[in-house]
Amino acid sequence: MIGIPGCVAVVLFGMGIAWIQTWAYGTPDVNRLHSFAENLDWYWVVLIPMIGGVATGLIFRYLTDDGRVSSVADVIEGAALHDGRVEGKEGLASAAASLITLSTGGST
């Protein structure tokens, strides 16, 4: 019962990365991304990751209580100390920030 929604979430996450990357760089194929980025004006190569970073910062600033990403350690802490509960809003904010970061050229 947990596997199917998890699988759907992973597939949707991958599709989201491809969609944003296509919108930003012109291709969803990471193997060809260099060829497409090579044809962009220099300022787009700089601005696209910057815009992704600003969007990620705004997500953490306004959608999380402590302004930081939820990590695996937070999930373990929630399971051990908070009756298995993890903040849904902060988890979704972390997922959205990861989606934007990965799509716009940020570090994994």
N, C-alpha and C. Protein backbone atom coordinates (compact mmCIF):
# COMPACT_ATOMS: atom_id res chain seq x y z
N MET A 1 0.82 -1.20 0.00
CA MET A 1 0.00 0.00 0.00
C MET A 1 0.86 1.26 0.00
N ILE A 2 2.04 1.17 0.51
CA ILE A 2 2.92 2.33 0.52
C ILE A 2 3.75 2.40 -0.76
N GLY A 3 4.07 1.25 -1.32
CA GLY A 3 4.94 1.20 -2.50
C GLY A 3 4.37 1.91 -3.71
N ILE A 4 3.08 1.75 -3.97
CA ILE A 4 2.48 2.36 -5.17
C ILE A 4 2.49 3.89 -5.09
N PRO A 5 2.02 4.50 -3.99
CA PRO A 5 2.12 5.96 -3.93
C PRO A 5 3.57 6.46 -3.96
N GLY A 6 4.48 5.69 -3.36
CA GLY A 6 5.89 6.07 -3.41
C GLY A 6 6.42 6.04 -4.83
N CYS A 7 6.05 5.02 -5.57
CA CYS A 7 6.46 4.90 -6.97
C CYS A 7 5.89 6.04 -7.81
N VAL A 8 4.61 6.35 -7.59
CA VAL A 8 3.99 7.45 -8.32
C VAL A 8 4.70 8.76 -8.00
N ALA A 9 5.04 8.98 -6.74
CA ALA A 9 5.74 10.21 -6.35
C ALA A 9 7.09 10.31 -7.04
N VAL A 10 7.83 9.21 -7.13
CA VAL A 10 9.14 9.22 -7.78
C VAL A 10 9.01 9.51 -9.26
N VAL A 11 8.02 8.89 -9.91
CA VAL A 11 7.81 9.13 -11.34
C VAL A 11 7.42 10.58 -11.59
N LEU A 12 6.51 11.11 -10.77
CA LEU A 12 6.11 12.51 -10.92
C LEU A 12 7.27 13.47 -10.65
N PHE A 13 8.12 13.12 -9.69
CA PHE A 13 9.30 13.95 -9.40
C PHE A 13 10.22 13.99 -10.61
N GLY A 14 10.48 12.84 -11.21
CA GLY A 14 11.32 12.78 -12.41
C GLY A 14 10.71 13.54 -13.57
N MET A 15 9.39 13.43 -13.74
CA MET A 15 8.72 14.17 -14.80
C MET A 15 8.79 15.67 -14.55
N GLY A 16 8.69 16.06 -13.29
CA GLY A 16 8.80 17.48 -12.94
C GLY A 16 10.18 18.03 -13.25
N ILE A 17 11.22 17.27 -12.94
CA ILE A 17 12.58 17.68 -13.27
C ILE A 17 12.73 17.86 -14.77
N ALA A 18 12.25 16.89 -15.53
CA ALA A 18 12.34 16.97 -17.00
C ALA A 18 11.57 18.17 -17.54
N TRP A 19 10.39 18.43 -16.99
CA TRP A 19 9.58 19.55 -17.47
C TRP A 19 10.26 20.89 -17.20
N ILE A 20 10.73 21.11 -15.97
CA ILE A 20 11.38 22.37 -15.63
C ILE A 20 12.68 22.52 -16.42
N GLN A 21 13.44 21.46 -16.55
CA GLN A 21 14.70 21.51 -17.29
C GLN A 21 14.44 21.83 -18.77
N THR A 22 13.40 21.26 -19.34
CA THR A 22 13.05 21.56 -20.73
C THR A 22 12.66 23.02 -20.86
N TRP A 23 11.89 23.51 -19.93
CA TRP A 23 11.47 24.91 -19.95
C TRP A 23 12.67 25.85 -19.80
N ALA A 24 13.59 25.51 -18.91
CA ALA A 24 14.73 26.39 -18.64
C ALA A 24 15.83 26.30 -19.69
N TYR A 25 16.16 25.09 -20.11
CA TYR A 25 17.33 24.89 -20.99
C TYR A 25 16.99 24.46 -22.41
N GLY A 26 15.78 23.99 -22.64
CA GLY A 26 15.39 23.59 -23.97
C GLY A 26 15.50 22.10 -24.25
N THR A 27 15.90 21.30 -23.27
CA THR A 27 15.98 19.85 -23.46
C THR A 27 15.84 19.13 -22.12
N PRO A 28 15.14 17.99 -22.11
CA PRO A 28 15.07 17.21 -20.88
C PRO A 28 16.21 16.20 -20.75
N ASP A 29 17.00 16.04 -21.80
CA ASP A 29 18.06 15.03 -21.85
C ASP A 29 19.35 15.59 -21.26
N VAL A 30 19.75 15.09 -20.09
CA VAL A 30 20.96 15.61 -19.45
C VAL A 30 22.21 15.33 -20.26
N ASN A 31 22.18 14.30 -21.09
CA ASN A 31 23.34 14.00 -21.93
C ASN A 31 23.53 15.02 -23.04
N ARG A 32 22.45 15.70 -23.41
CA ARG A 32 22.53 16.71 -24.46
C ARG A 32 22.45 18.13 -23.91
N LEU A 33 22.33 18.27 -22.61
CA LEU A 33 22.16 19.58 -21.99
C LEU A 33 23.31 20.51 -22.32
N HIS A 34 24.53 19.98 -22.33
CA HIS A 34 25.69 20.81 -22.64
C HIS A 34 25.56 21.43 -24.03
N SER A 35 25.10 20.66 -24.99
CA SER A 35 24.94 21.18 -26.36
C SER A 35 23.92 22.30 -26.41
N PHE A 36 22.84 22.17 -25.66
CA PHE A 36 21.82 23.21 -25.66
C PHE A 36 22.30 24.44 -24.90
N ALA A 37 22.94 24.25 -23.75
CA ALA A 37 23.44 25.37 -22.96
C ALA A 37 24.54 26.12 -23.71
N GLU A 38 25.26 25.42 -24.54
CA GLU A 38 26.32 26.05 -25.33
C GLU A 38 25.75 27.09 -26.30
N ASN A 39 24.51 26.90 -26.73
CA ASN A 39 23.87 27.82 -27.66
C ASN A 39 23.12 28.96 -26.98
N LEU A 40 23.01 28.92 -25.66
CA LEU A 40 22.36 30.00 -24.93
C LEU A 40 23.31 31.18 -24.79
N ASP A 41 22.74 32.36 -24.66
CA ASP A 41 23.56 33.52 -24.34
C ASP A 41 24.18 33.31 -22.96
N TRP A 42 25.35 33.87 -22.74
CA TRP A 42 26.10 33.64 -21.52
C TRP A 42 25.31 33.99 -20.27
N TYR A 43 24.50 35.06 -20.35
CA TYR A 43 23.78 35.49 -19.16
C TYR A 43 22.71 34.48 -18.75
N TRP A 44 22.14 33.70 -19.69
CA TRP A 44 21.18 32.66 -19.33
C TRP A 44 21.85 31.52 -18.58
N VAL A 45 23.08 31.22 -18.97
CA VAL A 45 23.83 30.15 -18.30
C VAL A 45 24.08 30.53 -16.84
N VAL A 46 24.19 31.82 -16.57
CA VAL A 46 24.39 32.31 -15.21
C VAL A 46 23.05 32.49 -14.49
N LEU A 47 22.08 33.07 -15.22
CA LEU A 47 20.81 33.41 -14.58
C LEU A 47 19.94 32.21 -14.22
N ILE A 48 19.91 31.18 -15.03
CA ILE A 48 19.01 30.05 -14.75
C ILE A 48 19.34 29.40 -13.40
N PRO A 49 20.61 29.06 -13.11
CA PRO A 49 20.88 28.51 -11.76
C PRO A 49 20.65 29.54 -10.64
N MET A 50 20.91 30.82 -10.95
CA MET A 50 20.65 31.85 -9.93
C MET A 50 19.17 31.95 -9.60
N ILE A 51 18.32 31.92 -10.62
CA ILE A 51 16.88 31.98 -10.41
C ILE A 51 16.42 30.75 -9.61
N GLY A 52 16.97 29.59 -9.95
CA GLY A 52 16.66 28.38 -9.19
C GLY A 52 17.08 28.50 -7.73
N GLY A 53 18.25 29.08 -7.48
CA GLY A 53 18.72 29.28 -6.11
C GLY A 53 17.86 30.25 -5.33
N VAL A 54 17.45 31.33 -5.98
CA VAL A 54 16.57 32.31 -5.32
C VAL A 54 15.22 31.67 -5.01
N ALA A 55 14.67 30.92 -5.95
CA ALA A 55 13.39 30.25 -5.71
C ALA A 55 13.50 29.27 -4.55
N THR A 56 14.59 28.53 -4.49
CA THR A 56 14.81 27.60 -3.39
C THR A 56 14.92 28.34 -2.06
N GLY A 57 15.65 29.44 -2.06
CA GLY A 57 15.78 30.24 -0.84
C GLY A 57 14.44 30.77 -0.36
N LEU A 58 13.61 31.23 -1.30
CA LEU A 58 12.28 31.74 -0.93
C LEU A 58 11.40 30.63 -0.38
N ILE A 59 11.51 29.45 -0.96
CA ILE A 59 10.73 28.32 -0.44
C ILE A 59 11.12 28.05 1.01
N PHE A 60 12.41 27.99 1.30
CA PHE A 60 12.84 27.71 2.67
C PHE A 60 12.51 28.86 3.61
N ARG A 61 12.59 30.07 3.12
CA ARG A 61 12.31 31.24 3.97
C ARG A 61 10.85 31.29 4.39
N TYR A 62 9.96 31.04 3.45
CA TYR A 62 8.55 31.24 3.72
C TYR A 62 7.74 29.98 3.98
N LEU A 63 8.26 28.82 3.65
CA LEU A 63 7.48 27.60 3.82
C LEU A 63 8.01 26.65 4.89
N THR A 64 9.13 26.98 5.51
CA THR A 64 9.63 26.15 6.60
C THR A 64 9.77 27.00 7.86
N ASP A 65 9.64 26.35 9.01
CA ASP A 65 9.71 27.08 10.27
C ASP A 65 11.12 27.55 10.60
N ASP A 66 12.12 26.71 10.26
CA ASP A 66 13.49 27.05 10.64
C ASP A 66 14.37 27.45 9.46
N GLY A 67 13.81 27.54 8.26
CA GLY A 67 14.55 28.00 7.11
C GLY A 67 15.60 27.04 6.59
N ARG A 68 15.40 25.76 6.84
CA ARG A 68 16.38 24.79 6.37
C ARG A 68 15.66 23.58 5.77
N VAL A 69 16.44 22.80 5.03
CA VAL A 69 15.91 21.61 4.36
C VAL A 69 15.68 20.49 5.37
N SER A 70 14.61 19.73 5.13
CA SER A 70 14.39 18.53 5.94
C SER A 70 15.23 17.42 5.31
N SER A 71 15.95 16.70 6.15
CA SER A 71 16.86 15.68 5.64
C SER A 71 16.46 14.31 6.18
N VAL A 72 17.25 13.33 5.82
CA VAL A 72 17.01 11.97 6.31
C VAL A 72 17.06 11.94 7.83
N ALA A 73 17.95 12.71 8.42
CA ALA A 73 18.05 12.76 9.88
C ALA A 73 16.74 13.26 10.50
N ASP A 74 16.06 14.19 9.85
CA ASP A 74 14.78 14.69 10.37
C ASP A 74 13.70 13.61 10.31
N VAL A 75 13.73 12.79 9.27
CA VAL A 75 12.78 11.69 9.16
C VAL A 75 13.04 10.67 10.27
N ILE A 76 14.31 10.35 10.51
CA ILE A 76 14.66 9.41 11.58
C ILE A 76 14.24 9.98 12.93
N GLU A 77 14.49 11.27 13.15
CA GLU A 77 14.09 11.90 14.41
C GLU A 77 12.58 11.85 14.59
N GLY A 78 11.84 12.14 13.53
CA GLY A 78 10.38 12.08 13.60
C GLY A 78 9.89 10.69 13.94
N ALA A 79 10.52 9.68 13.35
CA ALA A 79 10.13 8.30 13.62
C ALA A 79 10.45 7.90 15.06
N ALA A 80 11.58 8.37 15.56
CA ALA A 80 12.02 7.95 16.89
C ALA A 80 11.39 8.75 18.02
N LEU A 81 11.20 10.05 17.81
CA LEU A 81 10.80 10.92 18.92
C LEU A 81 9.40 11.50 18.81
N HIS A 82 8.81 11.47 17.66
CA HIS A 82 7.52 12.16 17.47
C HIS A 82 6.44 11.21 16.95
N ASP A 83 6.44 10.00 17.46
CA ASP A 83 5.43 8.99 17.10
C ASP A 83 5.36 8.76 15.59
N GLY A 84 6.49 8.81 14.93
CA GLY A 84 6.54 8.54 13.50
C GLY A 84 6.05 9.68 12.63
N ARG A 85 5.86 10.84 13.20
CA ARG A 85 5.31 11.98 12.45
C ARG A 85 6.43 12.88 11.95
N VAL A 86 6.27 13.30 10.71
CA VAL A 86 7.17 14.25 10.09
C VAL A 86 6.31 15.38 9.56
N GLU A 87 6.77 16.61 9.71
CA GLU A 87 6.00 17.75 9.23
C GLU A 87 5.78 17.66 7.72
N GLY A 88 4.54 17.59 7.30
CA GLY A 88 4.20 17.47 5.89
C GLY A 88 4.58 18.71 5.09
N LYS A 89 4.32 19.89 5.66
CA LYS A 89 4.61 21.14 4.97
C LYS A 89 6.11 21.28 4.70
N GLU A 90 6.92 20.97 5.68
CA GLU A 90 8.36 21.07 5.51
C GLU A 90 8.89 20.01 4.56
N GLY A 91 8.30 18.83 4.58
CA GLY A 91 8.70 17.79 3.64
C GLY A 91 8.38 18.17 2.21
N LEU A 92 7.19 18.74 1.99
CA LEU A 92 6.82 19.20 0.65
C LEU A 92 7.70 20.36 0.20
N ALA A 93 8.04 21.26 1.13
CA ALA A 93 8.93 22.37 0.79
C ALA A 93 10.30 21.86 0.37
N SER A 94 10.81 20.86 1.09
CA SER A 94 12.11 20.28 0.74
C SER A 94 12.05 19.59 -0.62
N ALA A 95 10.95 18.90 -0.90
CA ALA A 95 10.80 18.24 -2.19
C ALA A 95 10.74 19.26 -3.32
N ALA A 96 9.99 20.34 -3.13
CA ALA A 96 9.90 21.39 -4.15
C ALA A 96 11.24 22.07 -4.37
N ALA A 97 11.96 22.33 -3.29
CA ALA A 97 13.28 22.96 -3.42
C ALA A 97 14.24 22.02 -4.14
N SER A 98 14.19 20.74 -3.84
CA SER A 98 15.04 19.77 -4.53
C SER A 98 14.70 19.70 -6.01
N LEU A 99 13.42 19.71 -6.32
CA LEU A 99 12.97 19.68 -7.71
C LEU A 99 13.52 20.87 -8.49
N ILE A 100 13.42 22.04 -7.92
CA ILE A 100 13.89 23.26 -8.59
C ILE A 100 15.42 23.25 -8.70
N THR A 101 16.09 22.87 -7.62
CA THR A 101 17.55 22.85 -7.63
C THR A 101 18.09 21.90 -8.69
N LEU A 102 17.56 20.68 -8.74
CA LEU A 102 18.02 19.70 -9.71
C LEU A 102 17.70 20.11 -11.14
N SER A 103 16.59 20.79 -11.33
CA SER A 103 16.17 21.18 -12.68
C SER A 103 16.95 22.35 -13.25
N THR A 104 17.44 23.21 -12.38
CA THR A 104 18.08 24.45 -12.86
C THR A 104 19.60 24.42 -12.78
N GLY A 105 20.16 23.30 -12.46
CA GLY A 105 21.62 23.19 -12.47
C GLY A 105 22.30 23.28 -11.14
N GLY A 106 21.54 23.16 -10.06
CA GLY A 106 22.14 23.17 -8.73
C GLY A 106 22.78 21.85 -8.40
N SER A 107 23.50 21.86 -7.32
CA SER A 107 24.21 20.66 -6.88
C SER A 107 23.24 19.69 -6.22
N THR A 108 23.48 18.39 -6.44
CA THR A 108 22.66 17.39 -5.77
C THR A 108 23.21 17.11 -4.40
